Amino acid sequence: MFIYSDPKSFVKITSAICLSSLTIFMTQIGLLYQAKSKEFTSANRILNLTFLALTKSSEYPGL
């Protein structure tokens, strides 16, 4: 397979998968926190920074 032929692409793909699962986890935490209390600005700021970091770091060719 083409994934295992290049170790760097394998590392990039696995890090992207880990980042996306972490973002889903943080989104669920943020939604739960938003449902529990009215002051969700800090959780919303964390989610915005996470999505910004994901869009900036996911500029991989081939993904």
PDB file of N, CA and C in Angstrom:
ATOM      1  N   MET A   1       0.837  -1.195   0.000  1.00  0.00           N
ATOM      2  CA  MET A   1       0.000   0.000   0.000  1.00  0.00           C
ATOM      3  C   MET A   1       0.873   1.247   0.000  1.00  0.00           C
ATOM      4  N   PHE A   2       0.282   2.340  -0.461  1.00  0.00           N
ATOM      5  CA  PHE A   2       1.069   3.567  -0.574  1.00  0.00           C
ATOM      6  C   PHE A   2       1.304   4.227   0.775  1.00  0.00           C
ATOM      7  N   ILE A   3       0.500   3.888   1.771  1.00  0.00           N
ATOM      8  CA  ILE A   3       0.660   4.532   3.083  1.00  0.00           C
ATOM      9  C   ILE A   3       1.939   4.032   3.760  1.00  0.00           C
ATOM     10  N   TYR A   4       2.172   2.736   3.675  1.00  0.00           N
ATOM     11  CA  TYR A   4       3.317   2.162   4.371  1.00  0.00           C
ATOM     12  C   TYR A   4       4.621   2.302   3.596  1.00  0.00           C
ATOM     13  N   SER A   5       4.543   2.746   2.353  1.00  0.00           N
ATOM     14  CA  SER A   5       5.779   2.879   1.589  1.00  0.00           C
ATOM     15  C   SER A   5       6.592   4.079   2.058  1.00  0.00           C
ATOM     16  N   ASP A   6       5.906   5.134   2.520  1.00  0.00           N
ATOM     17  CA  ASP A   6       6.599   6.332   2.978  1.00  0.00           C
ATOM     18  C   ASP A   6       6.283   6.542   4.453  1.00  0.00           C
ATOM     19  N   PRO A   7       7.273   6.464   5.346  1.00  0.00           N
ATOM     20  CA  PRO A   7       6.984   6.615   6.774  1.00  0.00           C
ATOM     21  C   PRO A   7       6.486   8.012   7.133  1.00  0.00           C
ATOM     22  N   LYS A   8       6.928   9.029   6.389  1.00  0.00           N
ATOM     23  CA  LYS A   8       6.494  10.390   6.718  1.00  0.00           C
ATOM     24  C   LYS A   8       5.007  10.576   6.437  1.00  0.00           C
ATOM     25  N   SER A   9       4.522  10.012   5.354  1.00  0.00           N
ATOM     26  CA  SER A   9       3.095  10.139   5.060  1.00  0.00           C
ATOM     27  C   SER A   9       2.269   9.353   6.072  1.00  0.00           C
ATOM     28  N   PHE A  10       2.795   8.216   6.524  1.00  0.00           N
ATOM     29  CA  PHE A  10       2.088   7.449   7.551  1.00  0.00           C
ATOM     30  C   PHE A  10       1.982   8.247   8.838  1.00  0.00           C
ATOM     31  N   VAL A  11       3.067   8.931   9.213  1.00  0.00           N
ATOM     32  CA  VAL A  11       3.047   9.752  10.423  1.00  0.00           C
ATOM     33  C   VAL A  11       2.073  10.916  10.265  1.00  0.00           C
ATOM     34  N   LYS A  12       2.048  11.523   9.086  1.00  0.00           N
ATOM     35  CA  LYS A  12       1.127  12.638   8.845  1.00  0.00           C
ATOM     36  C   LYS A  12      -0.319  12.181   8.907  1.00  0.00           C
ATOM     37  N   ILE A  13      -0.606  11.031   8.317  1.00  0.00           N
ATOM     38  CA  ILE A  13      -1.986  10.538   8.304  1.00  0.00           C
ATOM     39  C   ILE A  13      -2.430  10.169   9.707  1.00  0.00           C
ATOM     40  N   THR A  14      -1.576   9.494  10.473  1.00  0.00           N
ATOM     41  CA  THR A  14      -1.969   9.119  11.830  1.00  0.00           C
ATOM     42  C   THR A  14      -2.108  10.351  12.726  1.00  0.00           C
ATOM     43  N   SER A  15      -1.248  11.358  12.544  1.00  0.00           N
ATOM     44  CA  SER A  15      -1.397  12.565  13.357  1.00  0.00           C
ATOM     45  C   SER A  15      -2.663  13.317  12.988  1.00  0.00           C
ATOM     46  N   ALA A  16      -3.032  13.318  11.706  1.00  0.00           N
ATOM     47  CA  ALA A  16      -4.279  13.969  11.300  1.00  0.00           C
ATOM     48  C   ALA A  16      -5.492  13.248  11.871  1.00  0.00           C
ATOM     49  N   ILE A  17      -5.422  11.908  11.912  1.00  0.00           N
ATOM     50  CA  ILE A  17      -6.530  11.132  12.485  1.00  0.00           C
ATOM     51  C   ILE A  17      -6.635  11.406  13.982  1.00  0.00           C
ATOM     52  N   CYS A  18      -5.499  11.465  14.666  1.00  0.00           N
ATOM     53  CA  CYS A  18      -5.515  11.749  16.105  1.00  0.00           C
ATOM     54  C   CYS A  18      -6.032  13.153  16.379  1.00  0.00           C
ATOM     55  N   LEU A  19      -5.644  14.121  15.549  1.00  0.00           N
ATOM     56  CA  LEU A  19      -6.126  15.487  15.735  1.00  0.00           C
ATOM     57  C   LEU A  19      -7.623  15.589  15.497  1.00  0.00           C
ATOM     58  N   SER A  20      -8.131  14.874  14.498  1.00  0.00           N
ATOM     59  CA  SER A  20      -9.562  14.954  14.231  1.00  0.00           C
ATOM     60  C   SER A  20     -10.370  14.291  15.345  1.00  0.00           C
ATOM     61  N   SER A  21      -9.879  13.169  15.876  1.00  0.00           N
ATOM     62  CA  SER A  21     -10.603  12.525  16.975  1.00  0.00           C
ATOM     63  C   SER A  21     -10.539  13.378  18.238  1.00  0.00           C
ATOM     64  N   LEU A  22      -9.405  14.040  18.458  1.00  0.00           N
ATOM     65  CA  LEU A  22      -9.307  14.947  19.599  1.00  0.00           C
ATOM     66  C   LEU A  22     -10.252  16.131  19.439  1.00  0.00           C
ATOM     67  N   THR A  23     -10.405  16.620  18.222  1.00  0.00           N
ATOM     68  CA  THR A  23     -11.320  17.733  17.983  1.00  0.00           C
ATOM     69  C   THR A  23     -12.765  17.317  18.214  1.00  0.00           C
ATOM     70  N   ILE A  24     -13.118  16.104  17.788  1.00  0.00           N
ATOM     71  CA  ILE A  24     -14.480  15.607  18.035  1.00  0.00           C
ATOM     72  C   ILE A  24     -14.725  15.480  19.526  1.00  0.00           C
ATOM     73  N   PHE A  25     -13.741  14.976  20.262  1.00  0.00           N
ATOM     74  CA  PHE A  25     -13.857  14.840  21.712  1.00  0.00           C
ATOM     75  C   PHE A  25     -14.018  16.201  22.388  1.00  0.00           C
ATOM     76  N   MET A  26     -13.217  17.176  21.962  1.00  0.00           N
ATOM     77  CA  MET A  26     -13.311  18.515  22.544  1.00  0.00           C
ATOM     78  C   MET A  26     -14.624  19.192  22.168  1.00  0.00           C
ATOM     79  N   THR A  27     -15.149  18.905  20.980  1.00  0.00           N
ATOM     80  CA  THR A  27     -16.437  19.464  20.582  1.00  0.00           C
ATOM     81  C   THR A  27     -17.544  18.912  21.468  1.00  0.00           C
ATOM     82  N   GLN A  28     -17.505  17.613  21.758  1.00  0.00           N
ATOM     83  CA  GLN A  28     -18.525  17.036  22.625  1.00  0.00           C
ATOM     84  C   GLN A  28     -18.416  17.591  24.034  1.00  0.00           C
ATOM     85  N   ILE A  29     -17.191  17.793  24.527  1.00  0.00           N
ATOM     86  CA  ILE A  29     -17.017  18.397  25.848  1.00  0.00           C
ATOM     87  C   ILE A  29     -17.561  19.826  25.849  1.00  0.00           C
ATOM     88  N   GLY A  30     -17.285  20.564  24.772  1.00  0.00           N
ATOM     89  CA  GLY A  30     -17.768  21.936  24.681  1.00  0.00           C
ATOM     90  C   GLY A  30     -19.277  22.013  24.609  1.00  0.00           C
ATOM     91  N   LEU A  31     -19.897  21.090  23.876  1.00  0.00           N
ATOM     92  CA  LEU A  31     -21.353  21.086  23.787  1.00  0.00           C
ATOM     93  C   LEU A  31     -21.989  20.701  25.121  1.00  0.00           C
ATOM     94  N   LEU A  32     -21.382  19.757  25.822  1.00  0.00           N
ATOM     95  CA  LEU A  32     -21.884  19.380  27.140  1.00  0.00           C
ATOM     96  C   LEU A  32     -21.749  20.540  28.121  1.00  0.00           C
ATOM     97  N   TYR A  33     -20.606  21.223  28.064  1.00  0.00           N
ATOM     98  CA  TYR A  33     -20.377  22.363  28.939  1.00  0.00           C
ATOM     99  C   TYR A  33     -21.328  23.506  28.593  1.00  0.00           C
ATOM    100  N   GLN A  34     -21.621  23.671  27.309  1.00  0.00           N
ATOM    101  CA  GLN A  34     -22.532  24.721  26.880  1.00  0.00           C
ATOM    102  C   GLN A  34     -23.954  24.401  27.338  1.00  0.00           C
ATOM    103  N   ALA A  35     -24.322  23.132  27.334  1.00  0.00           N
ATOM    104  CA  ALA A  35     -25.655  22.753  27.772  1.00  0.00           C
ATOM    105  C   ALA A  35     -25.801  22.877  29.284  1.00  0.00           C
ATOM    106  N   LYS A  36     -24.703  22.691  30.023  1.00  0.00           N
ATOM    107  CA  LYS A  36     -24.802  22.723  31.486  1.00  0.00           C
ATOM    108  C   LYS A  36     -24.822  24.142  32.029  1.00  0.00           C
ATOM    109  N   SER A  37     -24.082  25.055  31.406  1.00  0.00           N
ATOM    110  CA  SER A  37     -24.001  26.396  31.983  1.00  0.00           C
ATOM    111  C   SER A  37     -24.115  27.441  30.889  1.00  0.00           C
ATOM    112  N   LYS A  38     -24.365  28.656  31.299  1.00  0.00           N
ATOM    113  CA  LYS A  38     -24.517  29.749  30.339  1.00  0.00           C
ATOM    114  C   LYS A  38     -23.175  30.333  29.937  1.00  0.00           C
ATOM    115  N   GLU A  39     -22.170  30.222  30.788  1.00  0.00           N
ATOM    116  CA  GLU A  39     -20.870  30.821  30.495  1.00  0.00           C
ATOM    117  C   GLU A  39     -19.987  29.799  29.787  1.00  0.00           C
ATOM    118  N   PHE A  40     -20.106  29.775  28.479  1.00  0.00           N
ATOM    119  CA  PHE A  40     -19.331  28.817  27.693  1.00  0.00           C
ATOM    120  C   PHE A  40     -18.353  29.535  26.788  1.00  0.00           C
ATOM    121  N   THR A  41     -17.952  30.740  27.133  1.00  0.00           N
ATOM    122  CA  THR A  41     -17.064  31.495  26.239  1.00  0.00           C
ATOM    123  C   THR A  41     -15.669  30.889  26.201  1.00  0.00           C
ATOM    124  N   SER A  42     -15.197  30.390  27.344  1.00  0.00           N
ATOM    125  CA  SER A  42     -13.850  29.813  27.353  1.00  0.00           C
ATOM    126  C   SER A  42     -13.814  28.507  26.563  1.00  0.00           C
ATOM    127  N   ALA A  43     -14.850  27.661  26.705  1.00  0.00           N
ATOM    128  CA  ALA A  43     -14.899  26.418  25.930  1.00  0.00           C
ATOM    129  C   ALA A  43     -15.051  26.712  24.445  1.00  0.00           C
ATOM    130  N   ASN A  44     -15.840  27.745  24.127  1.00  0.00           N
ATOM    131  CA  ASN A  44     -16.014  28.109  22.722  1.00  0.00           C
ATOM    132  C   ASN A  44     -14.714  28.654  22.144  1.00  0.00           C
ATOM    133  N   ARG A  45     -13.956  29.395  22.941  1.00  0.00           N
ATOM    134  CA  ARG A  45     -12.671  29.914  22.475  1.00  0.00           C
ATOM    135  C   ARG A  45     -11.683  28.782  22.247  1.00  0.00           C
ATOM    136  N   ILE A  46     -11.687  27.784  23.122  1.00  0.00           N
ATOM    137  CA  ILE A  46     -10.808  26.620  22.954  1.00  0.00           C
ATOM    138  C   ILE A  46     -11.167  25.871  21.676  1.00  0.00           C
ATOM    139  N   LEU A  47     -12.474  25.711  21.417  1.00  0.00           N
ATOM    140  CA  LEU A  47     -12.893  25.019  20.199  1.00  0.00           C
ATOM    141  C   LEU A  47     -12.506  25.801  18.958  1.00  0.00           C
ATOM    142  N   ASN A  48     -12.652  27.118  19.007  1.00  0.00           N
ATOM    143  CA  ASN A  48     -12.278  27.925  17.844  1.00  0.00           C
ATOM    144  C   ASN A  48     -10.779  27.836  17.578  1.00  0.00           C
ATOM    145  N   LEU A  49      -9.979  27.884  18.634  1.00  0.00           N
ATOM    146  CA  LEU A  49      -8.531  27.765  18.455  1.00  0.00           C
ATOM    147  C   LEU A  49      -8.144  26.386  17.935  1.00  0.00           C
ATOM    148  N   THR A  50      -8.869  25.354  18.389  1.00  0.00           N
ATOM    149  CA  THR A  50      -8.573  24.000  17.924  1.00  0.00           C
ATOM    150  C   THR A  50      -8.892  23.846  16.442  1.00  0.00           C
ATOM    151  N   PHE A  51     -10.045  24.370  16.023  1.00  0.00           N
ATOM    152  CA  PHE A  51     -10.389  24.283  14.613  1.00  0.00           C
ATOM    153  C   PHE A  51      -9.437  25.104  13.758  1.00  0.00           C
ATOM    154  N   LEU A  52      -9.003  26.259  14.289  1.00  0.00           N
ATOM    155  CA  LEU A  52      -8.045  27.074  13.544  1.00  0.00           C
ATOM    156  C   LEU A  52      -6.712  26.337  13.396  1.00  0.00           C
ATOM    157  N   ALA A  53      -6.273  25.697  14.482  1.00  0.00           N
ATOM    158  CA  ALA A  53      -5.020  24.941  14.416  1.00  0.00           C
ATOM    159  C   ALA A  53      -5.148  23.746  13.478  1.00  0.00           C
ATOM    160  N   LEU A  54      -6.323  23.111  13.463  1.00  0.00           N
ATOM    161  CA  LEU A  54      -6.514  21.975  12.564  1.00  0.00           C
ATOM    162  C   LEU A  54      -6.493  22.415  11.112  1.00  0.00           C
ATOM    163  N   THR A  55      -7.140  23.539  10.809  1.00  0.00           N
ATOM    164  CA  THR A  55      -7.156  23.970   9.411  1.00  0.00           C
ATOM    165  C   THR A  55      -5.779  24.445   8.976  1.00  0.00           C
ATOM    166  N   LYS A  56      -4.994  24.992   9.899  1.00  0.00           N
ATOM    167  CA  LYS A  56      -3.652  25.433   9.529  1.00  0.00           C
ATOM    168  C   LYS A  56      -2.685  24.264   9.410  1.00  0.00           C
ATOM    169  N   SER A  57      -2.862  23.223  10.246  1.00  0.00           N
ATOM    170  CA  SER A  57      -1.883  22.135  10.250  1.00  0.00           C
ATOM    171  C   SER A  57      -2.263  20.993   9.321  1.00  0.00           C
ATOM    172  N   SER A  58      -3.459  21.028   8.737  1.00  0.00           N
ATOM    173  CA  SER A  58      -3.877  19.902   7.897  1.00  0.00           C
ATOM    174  C   SER A  58      -3.655  20.197   6.421  1.00  0.00           C
ATOM    175  N   GLU A  59      -2.635  20.954   6.097  1.00  0.00           N
ATOM    176  CA  GLU A  59      -2.329  21.248   4.702  1.00  0.00           C
ATOM    177  C   GLU A  59      -1.343  20.209   4.160  1.00  0.00           C
ATOM    178  N   TYR A  60      -1.796  18.951   4.177  1.00  0.00           N
ATOM    179  CA  TYR A  60      -0.957  17.867   3.704  1.00  0.00           C
ATOM    180  C   TYR A  60      -1.319  17.542   2.262  1.00  0.00           C
ATOM    181  N   PRO A  61      -0.366  17.396   1.396  1.00  0.00           N
ATOM    182  CA  PRO A  61      -0.688  16.908   0.051  1.00  0.00           C
ATOM    183  C   PRO A  61      -0.994  15.417   0.085  1.00  0.00           C
ATOM    184  N   GLY A  62      -2.133  15.063  -0.461  1.00  0.00           N
ATOM    185  CA  GLY A  62      -2.526  13.670  -0.492  1.00  0.00           C
ATOM    186  C   GLY A  62      -3.555  13.295   0.544  1.00  0.00           C
ATOM    187  N   LEU A  63      -3.917  14.221   1.416  1.00  0.00           N
ATOM    188  CA  LEU A  63      -4.971  13.915   2.385  1.00  0.00           C
ATOM    189  C   LEU A  63      -6.248  14.589   1.961  1.00  0.00           C
TER     190      LEU A  63
END
